[in-house]
Each structure stands twice: as structure tokens, then as C-alpha cells.
Amino acid sequence: MFFRNLTLFRYPTSINGSLENLEESLASHVLKPLGSLELSTRGFVSPFGRGDTVLSHRIGDAVLLTLGGEDKLLPSSVVNDALTAKLDHLQETEGRRPGGRERKRIKDEVLTDLLPRAFARSSRSSAYLDLDQGWAVIDSSSRKNAENFVSALREALGSFPAVPVNAETSPRALMTSWIAGEPLPEGFVLGDECELRDPVDSGAIIKCRRQELDADEVREHLKCGKQAFQVALVFEDRLSFVLGEDLVIRKLKFLETVTEALEQGDRDSQRDEVDAVFVLMNGELRILLKRLTEILGFSRAEA
């Protein structure tokens, strides 16, 4: 259950009072079975997995949420083949090719015919709310998926004024300076991965993996004008991740120093396991986000 990617939003903690009835609000927006003629559906499900009816899980000042989805798998090639067959049939039987409006109607008929027979794919997206610091943290590297999660929560609550996090300091300039040799903030060291780009449109892109980032061969790219758009970092020998200039944290890993704590103690149920991981994860990420806020000047949401 450890999150692997973090897309960050801020919301004003002044609205925490409206979250007291969170469970009831989510209950009216649960994931419903996908209808035979629907392409997709979204709704909240239990963080504890199938068979559990609890839709939110709070420990201290953190609330864990899960958004479920189902999507029909209907490749465009299948639709186009069926549409072509219908158009060819019309050509053979009536000697004509339909115009744009009729063609669209025929395509809709094809979709109506194919949808009930299409396979459905399930998905789950997790997030948590830090009620004390006003963080909404989505386990996704996709801005679109994260926005969809926040939109679903906003719809369930009626209002949820969360906004993507911004930074006062340019992350690109800061990461570039670290690779160039300037000291990193206390507790951070460079990892072994980065993405360097020429900032002009359609400029060159250099991706480094399993590479010492303070090597001369990497810094030579900076001398040619490239800038760091992603840089791998290690924090306090506890977390490793790739920080992007879009402020998305990717490839998040909780290192052995952290995870060894989970090996202690007996946990007899899935709920106990989820509790242990969530408490540990929230504690580590709260420290990390506090440090990144100090370094990058992360914004807070206005009340």
C-alpha cells in the first residue's frame, strides 16, 4: 500500500469541519457496476479492499481514501473494422457511401452493438488527506488522474477547494544547481537518475540512469545549456524519489531503514497491515513534505 508517486494539492484546513461527515458523503458516490452501454464509471471504494464497506479510514490527522474505476476495453481498430464492414455493406446493397452525419449515426450504432460485449478493466487510485497541514496527496504521477480524483472528491463533498501545489523557488533552477555542484540541503543527496533538457522547444533531451550525477560527463551537458527537469534524490537514507520540475514526486521508495519497522509486531488482519503501513508512510511523508516546503517554498491554499 506504500504510495509510489505523489501528485500534491493544497487545501485550506479551515474546511476540515466539513469533512466530519466524510463517510456519509462518500456513500452517495460509491463505485457502481458498469452499465452495458457505459464506457467507464468512477466511484469510491474501501481502502481495505473488496468486501469491506468502509469508504474512508482515519488515523490521527490523516485520512486514507480510494477511488475505484471500471473502463470498457474497446480498441479503436475493432470499432473501425466494424464500421468499415457496415459502410461496405451499404455500398454493395445501396450503391452509395453515407455522408458525415449518417456516418456518425452508424458509428454510434456500432458502439451500441459492441459495448455490451467489451471486457471491463478495473482500476484503483489511492490518496490521503493530511488534515493538520492541508495536503491532498494522490498516488499518481499523472496530473490528469490526480485531477480526476480531486474532482470526484469535490463532487462527493459539494465543495473541496484544493489546488495543485506551487513553489516560490524554481525547481528546475534549483535541481540544475545541485547537479552543477552547489551543496544540497541538509539531509538530501543526489541519486543516480536525471533528465536534462535544452529548454527551447523541441530541444535535446538527455536521460541518465544508474549514473553518478556529479560526474564531469553529466555537468558537460549543463555547460551546453541544458537544465535539469528531473533529478533523483535520497532523503535521510529513508526515502528515495525522483523530483520533477512539475513538482510531481515519482518512483518513491521507502528504504530498508523505514520498512524494517514493519517486520516488528504481529498483525493478524488486513486492516492491521493497512494501519501499520499508513501510519508509517504518513509520518515519513509529513517530514519529507515539510522539508521540501522549506526548500522550495511550497504554497498553502487560501481560506
Protein backbone atom coordinates (compact mmCIF):
# COMPACT_ATOMS: atom_id res chain seq x y z
CA MET A 1 0.00 0.00 0.00
CA PHE A 2 3.02 2.29 0.05
CA PHE A 3 2.44 5.11 -2.42
CA ARG A 4 4.77 5.06 -5.42
CA ASN A 5 4.11 8.53 -6.85
CA LEU A 6 2.90 11.77 -5.30
CA THR A 7 0.91 14.49 -7.03
CA LEU A 8 0.40 17.22 -4.46
CA PHE A 9 -2.53 19.53 -3.79
CA ARG A 10 -3.11 22.05 -1.00
CA TYR A 11 -6.43 22.85 0.58
CA PRO A 12 -7.34 25.24 3.41
CA THR A 13 -7.54 23.45 6.76
CA SER A 14 -10.43 25.75 7.65
CA ILE A 15 -12.73 23.35 5.76
CA ASN A 16 -11.84 20.36 7.95
CA GLY A 17 -15.13 20.75 9.75
CA SER A 18 -16.96 19.86 6.56
CA LEU A 19 -15.08 16.54 6.48
CA GLU A 20 -16.71 15.29 9.69
CA ASN A 21 -19.43 13.62 7.62
CA LEU A 22 -17.00 12.37 5.00
CA GLU A 23 -18.17 8.75 5.19
CA GLU A 24 -21.78 9.74 4.52
CA SER A 25 -20.76 11.98 1.63
CA LEU A 26 -18.73 9.22 0.00
CA ALA A 27 -21.55 6.71 0.49
CA SER A 28 -23.64 8.55 -2.08
CA HIS A 29 -20.76 8.37 -4.59
CA VAL A 30 -19.66 4.75 -4.37
CA LEU A 31 -18.42 2.83 -7.39
CA LYS A 32 -21.40 1.40 -9.23
CA PRO A 33 -21.33 -1.55 -11.64
CA LEU A 34 -20.56 -0.57 -15.19
CA GLY A 35 -23.70 -0.50 -17.32
CA SER A 36 -23.82 -2.46 -20.56
CA LEU A 37 -23.75 0.74 -22.65
CA GLU A 38 -21.31 2.72 -20.47
CA LEU A 39 -17.68 3.23 -21.39
CA SER A 40 -16.48 3.97 -17.87
CA THR A 41 -17.58 4.57 -14.30
CA ARG A 42 -15.92 6.04 -11.20
CA GLY A 43 -16.75 5.95 -7.51
CA PHE A 44 -15.26 5.48 -4.06
CA VAL A 45 -14.41 2.06 -2.68
CA SER A 46 -12.99 0.79 0.59
CA PRO A 47 -9.25 1.30 1.22
CA PHE A 48 -9.34 -2.20 2.77
CA GLY A 49 -10.25 -3.90 -0.50
CA ARG A 50 -13.20 -5.78 -1.87
CA GLY A 51 -15.80 -6.96 0.60
CA ASP A 52 -15.33 -4.06 3.03
CA THR A 53 -17.86 -1.25 3.17
CA VAL A 54 -15.80 1.42 4.97
CA LEU A 55 -15.02 4.18 2.45
CA SER A 56 -12.53 6.26 4.42
CA HIS A 57 -10.01 5.41 7.09
CA ARG A 58 -8.72 7.99 9.54
CA ILE A 59 -5.74 7.64 11.84
CA GLY A 60 -4.86 10.76 13.77
CA ASP A 61 -4.81 13.71 11.37
CA ALA A 62 -4.64 11.62 8.19
CA VAL A 63 -7.49 10.15 6.15
CA LEU A 64 -6.99 7.41 3.56
CA LEU A 65 -9.28 7.26 0.51
CA THR A 66 -9.58 5.05 -2.57
CA LEU A 67 -11.29 5.86 -5.87
CA GLY A 68 -12.30 2.88 -7.96
CA GLY A 69 -12.97 2.74 -11.67
CA GLU A 70 -14.06 0.43 -14.45
CA ASP A 71 -13.35 1.03 -18.12
CA LYS A 72 -14.54 -0.89 -21.16
CA LEU A 73 -11.73 -2.09 -23.38
CA LEU A 74 -12.87 -1.29 -26.89
CA PRO A 75 -9.89 -0.72 -29.21
CA SER A 76 -10.43 1.84 -31.97
CA SER A 77 -9.26 -0.75 -34.51
CA VAL A 78 -12.20 -3.01 -33.57
CA VAL A 79 -14.66 -0.13 -33.88
CA ASN A 80 -13.18 0.96 -37.22
CA ASP A 81 -13.29 -2.59 -38.62
CA ALA A 82 -16.96 -2.96 -37.68
CA LEU A 83 -17.75 0.49 -39.09
CA THR A 84 -15.96 -0.29 -42.35
CA ALA A 85 -17.92 -3.54 -42.69
CA LYS A 86 -21.22 -1.66 -42.31
CA LEU A 87 -20.19 1.02 -44.80
CA ASP A 88 -19.07 -1.61 -47.31
CA HIS A 89 -22.40 -3.38 -46.91
CA LEU A 90 -24.26 -0.16 -47.66
CA GLN A 91 -22.07 0.39 -50.70
CA GLU A 92 -22.85 -3.10 -52.01
CA THR A 93 -26.59 -3.08 -51.28
CA GLU A 94 -27.49 0.56 -51.99
CA GLY A 95 -24.60 1.72 -54.15
CA ARG A 96 -23.75 4.75 -52.02
CA ARG A 97 -21.37 5.98 -49.35
CA PRO A 98 -23.01 7.73 -46.36
CA GLY A 99 -22.22 11.37 -45.63
CA GLY A 100 -20.72 12.70 -42.43
CA ARG A 101 -23.91 12.92 -40.35
CA GLU A 102 -25.14 9.44 -41.33
CA ARG A 103 -21.66 8.03 -40.86
CA LYS A 104 -21.64 9.32 -37.28
CA ARG A 105 -25.03 7.72 -36.65
CA ILE A 106 -23.80 4.39 -37.98
CA LYS A 107 -20.71 4.61 -35.78
CA ASP A 108 -22.93 5.20 -32.73
CA GLU A 109 -24.88 2.07 -33.71
CA VAL A 110 -21.63 0.12 -33.92
CA LEU A 111 -20.61 1.29 -30.44
CA THR A 112 -24.03 0.36 -29.05
CA ASP A 113 -23.64 -3.10 -30.53
CA LEU A 114 -20.06 -3.65 -29.32
CA LEU A 115 -20.15 -2.17 -25.81
CA PRO A 116 -22.15 -4.97 -24.11
CA ARG A 117 -19.57 -7.48 -25.36
CA ALA A 118 -16.46 -5.50 -24.40
CA PHE A 119 -14.30 -6.54 -21.45
CA ALA A 120 -14.10 -4.23 -18.44
CA ARG A 121 -10.84 -3.30 -16.69
CA SER A 122 -10.83 -2.34 -13.02
CA SER A 123 -8.57 0.31 -11.51
CA ARG A 124 -7.89 1.72 -8.05
CA SER A 125 -6.32 5.07 -7.10
CA SER A 126 -5.39 5.95 -3.53
CA ALA A 127 -4.93 9.29 -1.80
CA TYR A 128 -4.73 10.69 1.68
CA LEU A 129 -5.61 13.98 3.31
CA ASP A 130 -3.27 15.50 5.88
CA LEU A 131 -5.80 17.42 7.95
CA ASP A 132 -3.16 19.22 10.00
CA GLN A 133 -1.09 20.55 7.09
CA GLY A 134 -3.77 20.80 4.40
CA TRP A 135 -2.25 18.31 1.97
CA ALA A 136 -4.19 16.19 -0.50
CA VAL A 137 -1.67 13.61 -1.72
CA ILE A 138 -2.64 11.48 -4.73
CA ASP A 139 -0.76 8.27 -5.54
CA SER A 140 -0.31 9.04 -9.23
CA SER A 141 2.31 10.57 -11.50
CA SER A 142 -0.42 11.65 -13.93
CA ARG A 143 -1.73 15.15 -13.38
CA LYS A 144 -4.94 14.20 -15.18
CA ASN A 145 -5.60 11.18 -12.95
CA ALA A 146 -4.88 13.24 -9.85
CA GLU A 147 -7.23 15.99 -11.01
CA ASN A 148 -9.92 13.35 -11.62
CA PHE A 149 -9.51 12.10 -8.04
CA VAL A 150 -9.84 15.62 -6.61
CA SER A 151 -12.84 16.28 -8.87
CA ALA A 152 -14.54 13.10 -7.62
CA LEU A 153 -13.92 14.16 -4.02
CA ARG A 154 -15.18 17.65 -4.78
CA GLU A 155 -18.36 16.21 -6.28
CA ALA A 156 -18.92 13.98 -3.26
CA LEU A 157 -18.40 16.80 -0.74
CA GLY A 158 -20.13 19.51 -2.74
CA SER A 159 -17.03 21.68 -2.33
CA PHE A 160 -13.35 20.90 -1.91
CA PRO A 161 -11.14 23.91 -2.75
CA ALA A 162 -7.92 22.01 -3.39
CA VAL A 163 -5.37 23.44 -5.83
CA PRO A 164 -2.15 21.98 -7.30
CA VAL A 165 0.88 22.90 -5.23
CA ASN A 166 3.09 25.75 -6.44
CA ALA A 167 6.62 26.70 -5.44
CA GLU A 168 8.21 30.10 -4.83
CA THR A 169 11.62 28.77 -5.92
CA SER A 170 12.12 27.40 -9.43
CA PRO A 171 12.64 23.64 -9.00
CA ARG A 172 14.36 23.46 -12.39
CA ALA A 173 16.93 26.09 -11.45
CA LEU A 174 17.50 24.52 -8.04
CA MET A 175 17.96 20.97 -9.38
CA THR A 176 20.28 22.23 -12.09
CA SER A 177 22.42 23.97 -9.48
CA TRP A 178 22.67 20.78 -7.41
CA ILE A 179 23.99 18.79 -10.37
CA ALA A 180 26.34 21.67 -11.18
CA GLY A 181 27.96 21.23 -7.79
CA GLU A 182 26.17 23.52 -5.34
CA PRO A 183 25.55 21.96 -1.90
CA LEU A 184 22.26 20.15 -1.43
CA PRO A 185 20.04 20.96 1.55
CA GLU A 186 20.83 19.08 4.74
CA GLY A 187 19.57 15.50 4.64
CA PHE A 188 19.49 15.21 0.85
CA VAL A 189 21.97 13.59 -1.53
CA LEU A 190 21.83 13.07 -5.27
CA GLY A 191 20.54 9.75 -6.56
CA ASP A 192 21.54 8.05 -9.79
CA GLU A 193 18.98 9.35 -12.27
CA CYS A 194 18.16 12.63 -14.00
CA GLU A 195 16.60 14.11 -17.09
CA LEU A 196 18.31 17.07 -18.72
CA ARG A 197 16.70 19.13 -21.47
CA ASP A 198 17.50 22.01 -23.71
CA PRO A 199 14.85 24.50 -22.55
CA VAL A 200 13.99 25.61 -26.10
CA ASP A 201 11.02 23.99 -27.85
CA SER A 202 11.88 20.58 -29.34
CA GLY A 203 15.32 20.77 -27.75
CA ALA A 204 17.55 17.79 -26.98
CA ILE A 205 16.72 15.52 -24.05
CA ILE A 206 19.31 13.53 -22.10
CA LYS A 207 18.15 10.80 -19.70
CA CYS A 208 20.64 9.31 -17.26
CA ARG A 209 20.08 6.17 -15.18
CA ARG A 210 22.46 4.34 -12.88
CA GLN A 211 24.80 7.31 -13.29
CA GLU A 212 26.70 9.37 -10.74
CA LEU A 213 25.15 12.79 -11.26
CA ASP A 214 28.17 14.73 -10.06
CA ALA A 215 30.33 13.23 -12.83
CA ASP A 216 32.02 15.57 -15.31
CA GLU A 217 30.24 13.96 -18.26
CA VAL A 218 26.87 14.97 -16.78
CA ARG A 219 27.99 18.50 -15.95
CA GLU A 220 29.24 18.97 -19.50
CA HIS A 221 25.61 18.89 -20.64
CA LEU A 222 24.86 21.77 -18.27
CA LYS A 223 27.68 23.78 -19.79
CA CYS A 224 25.95 23.35 -23.15
CA GLY A 225 22.83 24.98 -21.76
CA LYS A 226 20.75 22.01 -20.68
CA GLN A 227 18.72 22.18 -17.48
CA ALA A 228 17.53 19.56 -15.00
CA PHE A 229 13.84 18.69 -15.39
CA GLN A 230 14.01 15.60 -13.14
CA VAL A 231 16.53 14.59 -10.51
CA ALA A 232 16.70 11.53 -8.26
CA LEU A 233 17.24 12.30 -4.57
CA VAL A 234 17.70 10.33 -1.37
CA PHE A 235 16.40 11.82 1.88
CA GLU A 236 17.98 10.86 5.20
CA ASP A 237 18.68 7.33 3.89
CA ARG A 238 14.97 6.70 4.41
CA LEU A 239 13.29 7.70 1.15
CA SER A 240 14.40 7.80 -2.47
CA PHE A 241 12.46 9.50 -5.24
CA VAL A 242 12.65 11.46 -8.47
CA LEU A 243 11.64 15.12 -8.16
CA GLY A 244 10.24 16.73 -11.29
CA GLU A 245 10.15 20.37 -12.28
CA ASP A 246 6.36 19.91 -12.32
CA LEU A 247 6.62 19.20 -8.55
CA VAL A 248 5.44 15.61 -9.02
CA ILE A 249 7.36 13.06 -6.96
CA ARG A 250 7.93 9.85 -8.93
CA LYS A 251 9.46 6.43 -8.21
CA LEU A 252 9.03 6.91 -4.48
CA LYS A 253 10.65 4.14 -2.42
CA PHE A 254 10.67 3.62 1.32
CA LEU A 255 14.13 2.31 2.10
CA GLU A 256 15.06 -0.54 4.41
CA THR A 257 15.70 1.85 7.29
CA VAL A 258 11.96 2.59 7.20
CA THR A 259 10.43 -0.72 6.18
CA GLU A 260 12.30 -2.80 8.76
CA ALA A 261 9.97 -1.28 11.36
CA LEU A 262 7.10 -3.20 9.74
CA GLU A 263 8.81 -6.50 10.50
CA GLN A 264 8.28 -5.93 14.18
CA GLY A 265 4.97 -6.78 15.85
CA ASP A 266 2.16 -9.16 14.97
CA ARG A 267 -0.62 -8.11 12.63
CA ASP A 268 -3.48 -10.60 12.30
CA SER A 269 -5.64 -8.91 9.69
CA GLN A 270 -5.51 -6.84 6.54
CA ARG A 271 -6.80 -3.86 8.50
CA ASP A 272 -3.88 -4.13 10.90
CA GLU A 273 -1.46 -4.26 7.95
CA VAL A 274 -3.06 -1.23 6.29
CA ASP A 275 -2.94 0.67 9.59
CA ALA A 276 0.74 -0.08 10.13
CA VAL A 277 1.77 0.93 6.60
CA PHE A 278 -0.41 4.05 6.58
CA VAL A 279 0.90 5.33 9.93
CA LEU A 280 4.48 4.73 8.84
CA MET A 281 4.01 6.25 5.38
CA ASN A 282 2.18 9.34 6.63
CA GLY A 283 4.82 10.00 9.25
CA GLU A 284 7.68 9.77 6.75
CA LEU A 285 5.95 11.85 4.09
CA ARG A 286 4.96 14.55 6.56
CA ILE A 287 8.65 15.07 7.36
CA LEU A 288 9.64 15.00 3.68
CA LEU A 289 6.94 17.47 2.61
CA LYS A 290 7.88 19.81 5.45
CA ARG A 291 11.50 19.85 4.27
CA LEU A 292 10.53 20.33 0.62
CA THR A 293 8.27 23.18 1.68
CA GLU A 294 11.21 24.86 3.40
CA ILE A 295 13.46 24.35 0.37
CA LEU A 296 11.06 25.11 -2.48
CA GLY A 297 8.58 27.39 -0.74
CA PHE A 298 5.52 25.27 -1.38
CA SER A 299 2.31 27.29 -1.41
CA ARG A 300 -0.56 26.97 1.02
CA ALA A 301 -4.17 27.17 -0.13
CA GLU A 302 -6.03 30.34 0.70
CA ALA A 303 -9.02 30.03 3.01
